[in-house]
Amino acid sequence: MRLDRFPRGTDNSHIDVALGPALGKAVTAYVHALVRECAQRLWKESGPSFSATIAQGFGQVVQEHHRAVVKEARSSSQLERVQLFQLALLKLLFNTIDAQIASLRLELEDARNLPMRQLTGQSLQLHQQAVILGRQASYVRFRVARESIRELMRLEHGGLKNLRKAILGRSWPVPEFMLADPILQLDGVGTPRDFFRVYPFL
């Protein structure tokens, strides 16, 4: 990858990437639903699942942005624009996962401290939920990240890689294993039980 062709950002180290607000909203909505559903499973609560429906909107926005980036890369003869977009999308996903987990923990804490919750006895339940989420935060991050990447891979194999091949002559400007590998992309966040589900134990 030739990302060194892009100018450095304000910190003179990283590359600043401005992604459209529609993409940010779609990622936030999808990750929000995934985090809540994963937390509900930890709390052994039943509830409606919205992530599958929201994933459709997420996928549509990702495909629209991807097509625009691919066309721009072709017109400017800069394949690295696609590489940068793919990596920036991953970074946005992981940052949003962290933000949504932190938001849920804060929401539980604020709700627990409401006088009405304390009077009805719900404060203890909310405290227990907060404790479980705190202990399992890395697990939630891992599972939500895996589900997000799985959806991205579905989009990739559903047409995006063929689009890149047709227009740019390359299906995978960023190697597929880099996009999908949990250790490379999650910096080792998670517990051994998480990784045993992905990698064979020898």
N, C-alpha and C. Protein backbone atom coordinates (compact mmCIF):
# COMPACT_ATOMS: atom_id res chain seq x y z
N MET A 1 0.85 -1.19 0.00
CA MET A 1 0.00 0.00 0.00
C MET A 1 0.88 1.24 0.00
N ARG A 2 0.46 2.26 -0.73
CA ARG A 2 1.24 3.48 -0.86
C ARG A 2 0.51 4.65 -0.20
N LEU A 3 0.18 4.49 1.06
CA LEU A 3 -0.52 5.56 1.77
C LEU A 3 0.41 6.71 2.10
N ASP A 4 1.72 6.51 1.91
CA ASP A 4 2.67 7.59 2.17
C ASP A 4 2.51 8.73 1.17
N ARG A 5 1.74 8.51 0.11
CA ARG A 5 1.50 9.57 -0.86
C ARG A 5 0.53 10.62 -0.34
N PHE A 6 -0.20 10.29 0.72
CA PHE A 6 -1.14 11.26 1.28
C PHE A 6 -0.43 12.14 2.31
N PRO A 7 -0.81 13.41 2.38
CA PRO A 7 -0.19 14.30 3.37
C PRO A 7 -0.57 13.91 4.78
N ARG A 8 0.31 14.15 5.72
CA ARG A 8 0.03 13.88 7.13
C ARG A 8 -0.96 14.90 7.67
N GLY A 9 -1.68 14.48 8.71
CA GLY A 9 -2.70 15.34 9.30
C GLY A 9 -2.14 16.33 10.28
N THR A 10 -3.01 16.82 11.15
CA THR A 10 -2.64 17.88 12.08
C THR A 10 -1.59 17.43 13.09
N ASP A 11 -1.54 16.13 13.39
CA ASP A 11 -0.54 15.65 14.35
C ASP A 11 0.77 15.25 13.67
N ASN A 12 0.82 15.46 12.35
CA ASN A 12 2.03 15.18 11.57
C ASN A 12 2.42 13.70 11.62
N SER A 13 1.47 12.85 11.96
CA SER A 13 1.74 11.42 12.04
C SER A 13 0.69 10.61 11.29
N HIS A 14 -0.58 10.85 11.63
CA HIS A 14 -1.68 10.12 11.00
C HIS A 14 -2.21 10.87 9.78
N ILE A 15 -2.97 10.15 8.97
CA ILE A 15 -3.63 10.75 7.81
C ILE A 15 -5.06 11.09 8.19
N ASP A 16 -5.43 12.34 8.04
CA ASP A 16 -6.80 12.76 8.35
C ASP A 16 -7.72 12.40 7.19
N VAL A 17 -8.84 11.76 7.51
CA VAL A 17 -9.82 11.37 6.49
C VAL A 17 -11.18 11.91 6.90
N ALA A 18 -11.82 12.66 6.01
CA ALA A 18 -13.16 13.19 6.26
C ALA A 18 -14.18 12.29 5.57
N LEU A 19 -14.95 11.57 6.37
CA LEU A 19 -16.00 10.71 5.84
C LEU A 19 -17.34 11.44 5.93
N GLY A 20 -18.23 11.17 5.00
CA GLY A 20 -19.50 11.87 4.95
C GLY A 20 -20.37 11.61 6.16
N PRO A 21 -21.22 12.59 6.54
CA PRO A 21 -22.09 12.41 7.70
C PRO A 21 -23.06 11.25 7.56
N ALA A 22 -23.49 10.97 6.34
CA ALA A 22 -24.42 9.84 6.14
C ALA A 22 -23.76 8.52 6.52
N LEU A 23 -22.48 8.38 6.21
CA LEU A 23 -21.77 7.15 6.57
C LEU A 23 -21.60 7.06 8.08
N GLY A 24 -21.27 8.18 8.71
CA GLY A 24 -21.13 8.19 10.16
C GLY A 24 -22.43 7.81 10.86
N LYS A 25 -23.55 8.34 10.37
CA LYS A 25 -24.84 8.02 10.97
C LYS A 25 -25.20 6.55 10.77
N ALA A 26 -24.92 6.02 9.59
CA ALA A 26 -25.24 4.62 9.31
C ALA A 26 -24.41 3.69 10.19
N VAL A 27 -23.14 3.99 10.35
CA VAL A 27 -22.27 3.17 11.21
C VAL A 27 -22.74 3.24 12.65
N THR A 28 -23.05 4.45 13.12
CA THR A 28 -23.50 4.62 14.51
C THR A 28 -24.78 3.85 14.77
N ALA A 29 -25.74 3.94 13.86
CA ALA A 29 -27.02 3.25 14.05
C ALA A 29 -26.83 1.73 14.09
N TYR A 30 -25.99 1.22 13.20
CA TYR A 30 -25.77 -0.23 13.14
C TYR A 30 -25.03 -0.73 14.38
N VAL A 31 -23.97 -0.05 14.74
CA VAL A 31 -23.18 -0.46 15.91
C VAL A 31 -24.00 -0.32 17.19
N HIS A 32 -24.79 0.75 17.28
CA HIS A 32 -25.65 0.95 18.44
C HIS A 32 -26.56 -0.26 18.65
N ALA A 33 -27.18 -0.72 17.57
CA ALA A 33 -28.08 -1.88 17.67
C ALA A 33 -27.32 -3.14 18.05
N LEU A 34 -26.14 -3.34 17.48
CA LEU A 34 -25.36 -4.54 17.79
C LEU A 34 -24.91 -4.56 19.24
N VAL A 35 -24.46 -3.43 19.75
CA VAL A 35 -24.00 -3.35 21.14
C VAL A 35 -25.16 -3.64 22.09
N ARG A 36 -26.32 -3.04 21.83
CA ARG A 36 -27.48 -3.26 22.71
C ARG A 36 -27.92 -4.72 22.68
N GLU A 37 -27.94 -5.32 21.53
CA GLU A 37 -28.36 -6.72 21.44
C GLU A 37 -27.37 -7.64 22.13
N CYS A 38 -26.08 -7.36 21.99
CA CYS A 38 -25.07 -8.19 22.66
C CYS A 38 -25.19 -8.04 24.17
N ALA A 39 -25.43 -6.82 24.64
CA ALA A 39 -25.59 -6.60 26.08
C ALA A 39 -26.83 -7.31 26.61
N GLN A 40 -27.91 -7.27 25.85
CA GLN A 40 -29.14 -7.95 26.28
C GLN A 40 -28.92 -9.45 26.43
N ARG A 41 -28.14 -10.02 25.54
CA ARG A 41 -27.84 -11.45 25.66
C ARG A 41 -27.03 -11.74 26.93
N LEU A 42 -26.10 -10.86 27.25
CA LEU A 42 -25.32 -11.02 28.48
C LEU A 42 -26.22 -10.94 29.71
N TRP A 43 -27.21 -10.05 29.64
CA TRP A 43 -28.13 -9.86 30.77
C TRP A 43 -29.25 -10.89 30.77
N LYS A 44 -29.26 -11.77 29.74
CA LYS A 44 -30.30 -12.79 29.60
C LYS A 44 -31.68 -12.16 29.48
N GLU A 45 -31.73 -11.07 28.73
CA GLU A 45 -33.00 -10.39 28.47
C GLU A 45 -33.45 -10.71 27.05
N SER A 46 -34.74 -10.77 26.88
CA SER A 46 -35.30 -10.97 25.54
C SER A 46 -35.80 -9.63 25.02
N GLY A 47 -35.72 -9.48 23.73
CA GLY A 47 -36.17 -8.23 23.13
C GLY A 47 -36.09 -8.32 21.62
N PRO A 48 -36.74 -7.39 20.92
CA PRO A 48 -36.71 -7.41 19.46
C PRO A 48 -35.31 -7.14 18.93
N SER A 49 -35.00 -7.74 17.79
CA SER A 49 -33.71 -7.53 17.14
C SER A 49 -33.89 -6.55 15.98
N PHE A 50 -33.12 -5.46 16.04
CA PHE A 50 -33.23 -4.45 15.00
C PHE A 50 -32.01 -4.43 14.08
N SER A 51 -30.93 -5.10 14.48
CA SER A 51 -29.67 -4.96 13.74
C SER A 51 -29.79 -5.46 12.30
N ALA A 52 -30.56 -6.53 12.07
CA ALA A 52 -30.68 -7.07 10.71
C ALA A 52 -31.33 -6.05 9.78
N THR A 53 -32.35 -5.36 10.27
CA THR A 53 -33.01 -4.34 9.46
C THR A 53 -32.11 -3.14 9.25
N ILE A 54 -31.44 -2.70 10.31
CA ILE A 54 -30.55 -1.55 10.23
C ILE A 54 -29.36 -1.86 9.34
N ALA A 55 -28.94 -3.12 9.31
CA ALA A 55 -27.81 -3.52 8.47
C ALA A 55 -28.07 -3.24 7.00
N GLN A 56 -29.32 -3.30 6.59
CA GLN A 56 -29.65 -3.03 5.19
C GLN A 56 -29.32 -1.59 4.83
N GLY A 57 -29.72 -0.66 5.70
CA GLY A 57 -29.40 0.74 5.47
C GLY A 57 -27.91 1.00 5.54
N PHE A 58 -27.25 0.35 6.50
CA PHE A 58 -25.80 0.47 6.64
C PHE A 58 -25.11 0.01 5.36
N GLY A 59 -25.53 -1.15 4.84
CA GLY A 59 -24.92 -1.69 3.63
C GLY A 59 -25.13 -0.79 2.42
N GLN A 60 -26.31 -0.21 2.32
CA GLN A 60 -26.60 0.67 1.19
C GLN A 60 -25.69 1.89 1.20
N VAL A 61 -25.52 2.49 2.36
CA VAL A 61 -24.68 3.69 2.47
C VAL A 61 -23.22 3.34 2.19
N VAL A 62 -22.75 2.22 2.73
CA VAL A 62 -21.37 1.80 2.49
C VAL A 62 -21.13 1.59 0.99
N GLN A 63 -22.06 0.93 0.32
CA GLN A 63 -21.90 0.67 -1.11
C GLN A 63 -21.89 1.97 -1.91
N GLU A 64 -22.74 2.92 -1.55
CA GLU A 64 -22.78 4.20 -2.25
C GLU A 64 -21.45 4.93 -2.12
N HIS A 65 -20.92 4.98 -0.90
CA HIS A 65 -19.64 5.65 -0.68
C HIS A 65 -18.51 4.91 -1.39
N HIS A 66 -18.57 3.59 -1.36
CA HIS A 66 -17.51 2.79 -1.99
C HIS A 66 -17.48 3.03 -3.50
N ARG A 67 -18.65 3.07 -4.12
CA ARG A 67 -18.70 3.32 -5.56
C ARG A 67 -18.11 4.68 -5.90
N ALA A 68 -18.43 5.68 -5.09
CA ALA A 68 -17.91 7.02 -5.33
C ALA A 68 -16.39 7.05 -5.21
N VAL A 69 -15.86 6.36 -4.21
CA VAL A 69 -14.41 6.32 -4.02
C VAL A 69 -13.72 5.59 -5.17
N VAL A 70 -14.30 4.49 -5.62
CA VAL A 70 -13.72 3.73 -6.72
C VAL A 70 -13.68 4.57 -8.00
N LYS A 71 -14.74 5.29 -8.28
CA LYS A 71 -14.77 6.15 -9.46
C LYS A 71 -13.74 7.26 -9.36
N GLU A 72 -13.60 7.84 -8.17
CA GLU A 72 -12.60 8.88 -7.97
C GLU A 72 -11.19 8.32 -8.12
N ALA A 73 -10.98 7.11 -7.62
CA ALA A 73 -9.67 6.48 -7.75
C ALA A 73 -9.32 6.24 -9.22
N ARG A 74 -10.30 5.88 -10.00
CA ARG A 74 -10.05 5.63 -11.42
C ARG A 74 -9.74 6.94 -12.15
N SER A 75 -10.53 7.97 -11.89
CA SER A 75 -10.34 9.24 -12.59
C SER A 75 -9.01 9.90 -12.22
N SER A 76 -8.55 9.67 -11.00
CA SER A 76 -7.29 10.27 -10.55
C SER A 76 -6.11 9.32 -10.66
N SER A 77 -6.38 8.08 -11.09
CA SER A 77 -5.34 7.04 -11.19
C SER A 77 -4.64 6.83 -9.85
N GLN A 78 -5.40 6.86 -8.77
CA GLN A 78 -4.86 6.66 -7.43
C GLN A 78 -5.60 5.51 -6.74
N LEU A 79 -5.09 4.31 -6.91
CA LEU A 79 -5.68 3.14 -6.27
C LEU A 79 -5.67 3.27 -4.75
N GLU A 80 -4.68 3.99 -4.23
CA GLU A 80 -4.56 4.11 -2.78
C GLU A 80 -5.74 4.86 -2.15
N ARG A 81 -6.52 5.57 -2.94
CA ARG A 81 -7.72 6.21 -2.40
C ARG A 81 -8.70 5.15 -1.88
N VAL A 82 -8.81 4.05 -2.60
CA VAL A 82 -9.69 2.96 -2.16
C VAL A 82 -9.11 2.31 -0.91
N GLN A 83 -7.81 2.10 -0.89
CA GLN A 83 -7.17 1.52 0.28
C GLN A 83 -7.40 2.38 1.52
N LEU A 84 -7.22 3.68 1.35
CA LEU A 84 -7.41 4.60 2.47
C LEU A 84 -8.85 4.58 2.96
N PHE A 85 -9.79 4.55 2.03
CA PHE A 85 -11.20 4.51 2.42
C PHE A 85 -11.52 3.24 3.19
N GLN A 86 -11.03 2.10 2.73
CA GLN A 86 -11.32 0.83 3.41
C GLN A 86 -10.76 0.83 4.83
N LEU A 87 -9.55 1.32 5.00
CA LEU A 87 -8.95 1.36 6.33
C LEU A 87 -9.64 2.39 7.22
N ALA A 88 -10.03 3.52 6.63
CA ALA A 88 -10.73 4.55 7.40
C ALA A 88 -12.09 4.05 7.87
N LEU A 89 -12.76 3.26 7.05
CA LEU A 89 -14.05 2.69 7.43
C LEU A 89 -13.89 1.73 8.61
N LEU A 90 -12.84 0.91 8.57
CA LEU A 90 -12.57 0.02 9.70
C LEU A 90 -12.32 0.81 10.97
N LYS A 91 -11.51 1.86 10.85
CA LYS A 91 -11.20 2.69 12.01
C LYS A 91 -12.46 3.32 12.57
N LEU A 92 -13.33 3.79 11.68
CA LEU A 92 -14.60 4.38 12.12
C LEU A 92 -15.45 3.35 12.85
N LEU A 93 -15.51 2.15 12.33
CA LEU A 93 -16.29 1.09 12.98
C LEU A 93 -15.78 0.81 14.39
N PHE A 94 -14.48 0.62 14.53
CA PHE A 94 -13.92 0.26 15.83
C PHE A 94 -14.04 1.40 16.84
N ASN A 95 -13.83 2.64 16.37
CA ASN A 95 -14.00 3.79 17.27
C ASN A 95 -15.45 3.92 17.72
N THR A 96 -16.37 3.65 16.80
CA THR A 96 -17.79 3.74 17.13
C THR A 96 -18.20 2.65 18.12
N ILE A 97 -17.64 1.46 17.98
CA ILE A 97 -17.92 0.39 18.93
C ILE A 97 -17.50 0.80 20.33
N ASP A 98 -16.29 1.32 20.46
CA ASP A 98 -15.81 1.77 21.77
C ASP A 98 -16.71 2.86 22.34
N ALA A 99 -17.11 3.80 21.47
CA ALA A 99 -17.95 4.91 21.92
C ALA A 99 -19.33 4.42 22.36
N GLN A 100 -19.90 3.46 21.66
CA GLN A 100 -21.22 2.96 22.00
C GLN A 100 -21.21 2.13 23.28
N ILE A 101 -20.15 1.39 23.52
CA ILE A 101 -20.04 0.65 24.78
C ILE A 101 -19.91 1.62 25.94
N ALA A 102 -19.08 2.65 25.78
CA ALA A 102 -18.92 3.66 26.82
C ALA A 102 -20.24 4.40 27.06
N SER A 103 -20.98 4.67 25.99
CA SER A 103 -22.26 5.37 26.11
C SER A 103 -23.27 4.53 26.88
N LEU A 104 -23.30 3.23 26.61
CA LEU A 104 -24.24 2.35 27.31
C LEU A 104 -23.89 2.26 28.79
N ARG A 105 -22.63 2.19 29.11
CA ARG A 105 -22.21 2.13 30.52
C ARG A 105 -22.60 3.41 31.25
N LEU A 106 -22.42 4.55 30.59
CA LEU A 106 -22.81 5.83 31.19
C LEU A 106 -24.32 5.93 31.34
N GLU A 107 -25.04 5.42 30.36
CA GLU A 107 -26.50 5.43 30.41
C GLU A 107 -27.01 4.61 31.60
N LEU A 108 -26.41 3.47 31.83
CA LEU A 108 -26.80 2.63 32.97
C LEU A 108 -26.51 3.34 34.29
N GLU A 109 -25.37 3.98 34.37
CA GLU A 109 -25.00 4.68 35.60
C GLU A 109 -25.95 5.85 35.88
N ASP A 110 -26.27 6.61 34.85
CA ASP A 110 -27.19 7.75 35.02
C ASP A 110 -28.58 7.26 35.42
N ALA A 111 -29.05 6.18 34.78
CA ALA A 111 -30.37 5.66 35.09
C ALA A 111 -30.43 5.12 36.51
N ARG A 112 -29.35 4.50 36.95
CA ARG A 112 -29.31 3.92 38.30
C ARG A 112 -29.41 4.99 39.37
N ASN A 113 -28.91 6.18 39.08
CA ASN A 113 -28.89 7.25 40.07
C ASN A 113 -30.17 8.08 40.11
N LEU A 114 -31.11 7.80 39.21
CA LEU A 114 -32.37 8.53 39.23
C LEU A 114 -33.17 8.14 40.48
N PRO A 115 -33.72 9.11 41.21
CA PRO A 115 -34.50 8.81 42.42
C PRO A 115 -35.63 7.82 42.16
N MET A 116 -36.30 7.95 41.02
CA MET A 116 -37.41 7.06 40.70
C MET A 116 -36.94 5.61 40.61
N ARG A 117 -35.75 5.40 40.04
CA ARG A 117 -35.21 4.04 39.93
C ARG A 117 -34.90 3.47 41.31
N GLN A 118 -34.39 4.31 42.19
CA GLN A 118 -34.03 3.86 43.52
C GLN A 118 -35.27 3.49 44.33
N LEU A 119 -36.35 4.25 44.14
CA LEU A 119 -37.58 3.99 44.88
C LEU A 119 -38.25 2.70 44.43
N THR A 120 -38.15 2.39 43.15
CA THR A 120 -38.82 1.20 42.62
C THR A 120 -37.95 -0.06 42.72
N GLY A 121 -36.74 0.08 43.17
CA GLY A 121 -35.86 -1.07 43.30
C GLY A 121 -35.13 -1.44 42.03
N GLN A 122 -35.31 -0.65 40.98
CA GLN A 122 -34.63 -0.95 39.72
C GLN A 122 -33.15 -0.60 39.76
N SER A 123 -32.78 0.20 40.75
CA SER A 123 -31.38 0.62 40.85
C SER A 123 -30.44 -0.57 40.98
N LEU A 124 -30.83 -1.57 41.76
CA LEU A 124 -29.99 -2.75 41.94
C LEU A 124 -29.83 -3.52 40.64
N GLN A 125 -30.93 -3.66 39.91
CA GLN A 125 -30.87 -4.37 38.63
C GLN A 125 -29.95 -3.65 37.65
N LEU A 126 -30.07 -2.33 37.59
CA LEU A 126 -29.22 -1.55 36.70
C LEU A 126 -27.76 -1.64 37.12
N HIS A 127 -27.53 -1.67 38.43
CA HIS A 127 -26.16 -1.83 38.93
C HIS A 127 -25.59 -3.18 38.50
N GLN A 128 -26.38 -4.22 38.60
CA GLN A 128 -25.92 -5.55 38.19
C GLN A 128 -25.63 -5.60 36.69
N GLN A 129 -26.47 -4.94 35.92
CA GLN A 129 -26.23 -4.88 34.47
C GLN A 129 -24.93 -4.13 34.17
N ALA A 130 -24.71 -3.03 34.89
CA ALA A 130 -23.48 -2.26 34.68
C ALA A 130 -22.24 -3.07 35.04
N VAL A 131 -22.34 -3.84 36.11
CA VAL A 131 -21.21 -4.68 36.53
C VAL A 131 -20.91 -5.74 35.48
N ILE A 132 -21.95 -6.39 34.98
CA ILE A 132 -21.77 -7.42 33.95
C ILE A 132 -21.15 -6.82 32.70
N LEU A 133 -21.67 -5.66 32.28
CA LEU A 133 -21.14 -5.02 31.08
C LEU A 133 -19.70 -4.60 31.28
N GLY A 134 -19.38 -4.09 32.48
CA GLY A 134 -18.01 -3.69 32.75
C GLY A 134 -17.05 -4.87 32.67
N ARG A 135 -17.46 -5.99 33.21
CA ARG A 135 -16.60 -7.19 33.20
C ARG A 135 -16.47 -7.79 31.80
N GLN A 136 -17.51 -7.64 31.01
CA GLN A 136 -17.54 -8.29 29.70
C GLN A 136 -17.35 -7.30 28.55
N ALA A 137 -16.85 -6.11 28.85
CA ALA A 137 -16.74 -5.07 27.82
C ALA A 137 -15.86 -5.52 26.65
N SER A 138 -14.75 -6.18 26.94
CA SER A 138 -13.87 -6.63 25.86
C SER A 138 -14.55 -7.70 25.01
N TYR A 139 -15.36 -8.54 25.65
CA TYR A 139 -16.10 -9.57 24.92
C TYR A 139 -17.13 -8.92 24.00
N VAL A 140 -17.85 -7.91 24.53
CA VAL A 140 -18.84 -7.21 23.71
C VAL A 140 -18.16 -6.55 22.52
N ARG A 141 -17.03 -5.91 22.76
CA ARG A 141 -16.30 -5.26 21.67
C ARG A 141 -15.91 -6.27 20.61
N PHE A 142 -15.40 -7.41 21.06
CA PHE A 142 -14.98 -8.44 20.12
C PHE A 142 -16.14 -8.96 19.29
N ARG A 143 -17.25 -9.28 19.94
CA ARG A 143 -18.40 -9.85 19.22
C ARG A 143 -19.01 -8.84 18.25
N VAL A 144 -19.14 -7.59 18.68
CA VAL A 144 -19.72 -6.58 17.80
C VAL A 144 -18.78 -6.30 16.63
N ALA A 145 -17.49 -6.24 16.90
CA ALA A 145 -16.53 -6.03 15.82
C ALA A 145 -16.58 -7.18 14.82
N ARG A 146 -16.66 -8.40 15.31
CA ARG A 146 -16.73 -9.55 14.42
C ARG A 146 -17.98 -9.52 13.55
N GLU A 147 -19.11 -9.15 14.17
CA GLU A 147 -20.36 -9.08 13.42
C GLU A 147 -20.30 -7.96 12.38
N SER A 148 -19.69 -6.83 12.74
CA SER A 148 -19.55 -5.72 11.80
C SER A 148 -18.69 -6.11 10.61
N ILE A 149 -17.57 -6.77 10.89
CA ILE A 149 -16.68 -7.21 9.82
C ILE A 149 -17.35 -8.27 8.95
N ARG A 150 -18.13 -9.14 9.58
CA ARG A 150 -18.86 -10.15 8.82
C ARG A 150 -19.82 -9.49 7.82
N GLU A 151 -20.47 -8.43 8.25
CA GLU A 151 -21.37 -7.71 7.35
C GLU A 151 -20.59 -7.02 6.24
N LEU A 152 -19.44 -6.45 6.57
CA LEU A 152 -18.61 -5.84 5.54
C LEU A 152 -18.15 -6.87 4.51
N MET A 153 -17.77 -8.05 4.99
CA MET A 153 -17.34 -9.11 4.07
C MET A 153 -18.48 -9.58 3.18
N ARG A 154 -19.69 -9.56 3.73
CA ARG A 154 -20.85 -9.92 2.91
C ARG A 154 -21.02 -8.91 1.77
N LEU A 155 -20.82 -7.63 2.08
CA LEU A 155 -20.91 -6.59 1.06
C LEU A 155 -19.77 -6.74 0.05
N GLU A 156 -18.58 -7.05 0.55
CA GLU A 156 -17.43 -7.22 -0.34
C GLU A 156 -17.69 -8.33 -1.36
N HIS A 157 -18.12 -9.48 -0.88
CA HIS A 157 -18.35 -10.61 -1.77
C HIS A 157 -19.67 -10.48 -2.53
N GLY A 158 -20.51 -9.56 -2.07
CA GLY A 158 -21.79 -9.36 -2.74
C GLY A 158 -21.72 -8.43 -3.93
N GLY A 159 -20.54 -7.87 -4.21
CA GLY A 159 -20.44 -7.02 -5.39
C GLY A 159 -19.31 -6.01 -5.37
N LEU A 160 -18.85 -5.60 -4.19
CA LEU A 160 -17.83 -4.56 -4.13
C LEU A 160 -16.51 -5.01 -4.74
N LYS A 161 -16.10 -6.23 -4.47
CA LYS A 161 -14.83 -6.70 -5.03
C LYS A 161 -14.91 -6.82 -6.55
N ASN A 162 -16.08 -7.19 -7.05
CA ASN A 162 -16.27 -7.27 -8.50
C ASN A 162 -16.27 -5.89 -9.13
N LEU A 163 -16.83 -4.92 -8.42
CA LEU A 163 -16.82 -3.53 -8.90
C LEU A 163 -15.38 -3.04 -9.03
N ARG A 164 -14.57 -3.30 -8.02
CA ARG A 164 -13.18 -2.86 -8.06
C ARG A 164 -12.41 -3.56 -9.18
N LYS A 165 -12.69 -4.84 -9.36
CA LYS A 165 -12.02 -5.59 -10.42
C LYS A 165 -12.37 -5.03 -11.79
N ALA A 166 -13.64 -4.70 -11.98
CA ALA A 166 -14.10 -4.20 -13.28
C ALA A 166 -13.54 -2.82 -13.59
N ILE A 167 -13.46 -1.96 -12.58
CA ILE A 167 -13.06 -0.57 -12.82
C ILE A 167 -11.57 -0.35 -12.62
N LEU A 168 -11.01 -1.00 -11.59
CA LEU A 168 -9.61 -0.75 -11.24
C LEU A 168 -8.67 -1.89 -11.63
N GLY A 169 -9.25 -3.06 -11.94
CA GLY A 169 -8.40 -4.19 -12.30
C GLY A 169 -7.89 -4.99 -11.12
N ARG A 170 -8.32 -4.64 -9.91
CA ARG A 170 -7.91 -5.36 -8.70
C ARG A 170 -9.11 -5.57 -7.80
N SER A 171 -9.30 -6.80 -7.36
CA SER A 171 -10.44 -7.10 -6.48
C SER A 171 -10.19 -6.65 -5.05
N TRP A 172 -8.96 -6.80 -4.58
CA TRP A 172 -8.63 -6.54 -3.18
C TRP A 172 -7.45 -5.58 -3.06
N PRO A 173 -7.66 -4.27 -3.19
CA PRO A 173 -6.57 -3.31 -2.97
C PRO A 173 -5.96 -3.45 -1.58
N VAL A 174 -6.82 -3.71 -0.58
CA VAL A 174 -6.37 -4.12 0.74
C VAL A 174 -6.64 -5.61 0.84
N PRO A 175 -5.62 -6.44 1.13
CA PRO A 175 -5.82 -7.89 1.18
C PRO A 175 -6.98 -8.27 2.09
N GLU A 176 -7.75 -9.26 1.65
CA GLU A 176 -8.93 -9.66 2.40
C GLU A 176 -8.60 -10.08 3.82
N PHE A 177 -7.48 -10.76 4.01
CA PHE A 177 -7.14 -11.24 5.36
C PHE A 177 -6.89 -10.08 6.31
N MET A 178 -6.43 -8.93 5.78
CA MET A 178 -6.21 -7.77 6.63
C MET A 178 -7.52 -7.17 7.10
N LEU A 179 -8.53 -7.23 6.25
CA LEU A 179 -9.83 -6.68 6.61
C LEU A 179 -10.57 -7.58 7.60
N ALA A 180 -10.35 -8.88 7.51
CA ALA A 180 -11.16 -9.83 8.27
C ALA A 180 -10.47 -10.43 9.48
N ASP A 181 -9.16 -10.32 9.59
CA ASP A 181 -8.45 -10.98 10.69
C ASP A 181 -8.69 -10.26 12.01
N PRO A 182 -9.24 -10.93 13.02
CA PRO A 182 -9.58 -10.27 14.29
C PRO A 182 -8.37 -9.80 15.07
N ILE A 183 -7.27 -10.53 15.03
CA ILE A 183 -6.09 -10.12 15.80
C ILE A 183 -5.45 -8.89 15.19
N LEU A 184 -5.32 -8.86 13.86
CA LEU A 184 -4.71 -7.71 13.21
C LEU A 184 -5.55 -6.46 13.38
N GLN A 185 -6.86 -6.60 13.29
CA GLN A 185 -7.73 -5.44 13.28
C GLN A 185 -8.22 -5.03 14.67
N LEU A 186 -8.18 -5.94 15.65
CA LEU A 186 -8.68 -5.62 16.98
C LEU A 186 -7.57 -5.46 18.00
N ASP A 187 -6.31 -5.50 17.53
CA ASP A 187 -5.17 -5.32 18.42
C ASP A 187 -5.19 -6.28 19.60
N GLY A 188 -5.71 -7.48 19.38
CA GLY A 188 -5.70 -8.49 20.44
C GLY A 188 -6.74 -8.29 21.51
N VAL A 189 -7.69 -7.37 21.33
CA VAL A 189 -8.73 -7.16 22.34
C VAL A 189 -9.64 -8.37 22.37
N GLY A 190 -9.92 -8.87 23.55
CA GLY A 190 -10.76 -10.05 23.70
C GLY A 190 -10.14 -11.02 24.68
N THR A 191 -10.82 -12.10 24.92
CA THR A 191 -10.34 -13.12 25.84
C THR A 191 -10.02 -14.39 25.06
N PRO A 192 -9.27 -15.33 25.66
CA PRO A 192 -8.94 -16.57 24.94
C PRO A 192 -10.16 -17.30 24.40
N ARG A 193 -11.27 -17.28 25.13
CA ARG A 193 -12.45 -18.01 24.65
C ARG A 193 -12.96 -17.42 23.34
N ASP A 194 -12.77 -16.08 23.17
CA ASP A 194 -13.20 -15.46 21.93
C ASP A 194 -12.38 -15.97 20.75
N PHE A 195 -11.07 -15.98 20.93
CA PHE A 195 -10.19 -16.35 19.83
C PHE A 195 -10.22 -17.84 19.53
N PHE A 196 -10.53 -18.67 20.53
CA PHE A 196 -10.61 -20.11 20.29
C PHE A 196 -11.74 -20.43 19.32
N ARG A 197 -12.74 -19.55 19.25
CA ARG A 197 -13.84 -19.77 18.32
C ARG A 197 -13.42 -19.48 16.88
N VAL A 198 -12.34 -18.70 16.73
CA VAL A 198 -11.90 -18.26 15.41
C VAL A 198 -10.69 -19.04 14.93
N TYR A 199 -9.75 -19.29 15.84
CA TYR A 199 -8.52 -19.98 15.48
C TYR A 199 -8.48 -21.37 16.10
N PRO A 200 -7.91 -22.34 15.39
CA PRO A 200 -7.80 -23.69 15.97
C PRO A 200 -6.83 -23.69 17.14
N PHE A 201 -7.15 -24.48 18.15
CA PHE A 201 -6.30 -24.59 19.33
C PHE A 201 -5.39 -25.80 19.18
N LEU A 202 -4.08 -25.54 19.22
CA LEU A 202 -3.11 -26.61 19.03
C LEU A 202 -2.40 -26.89 20.35
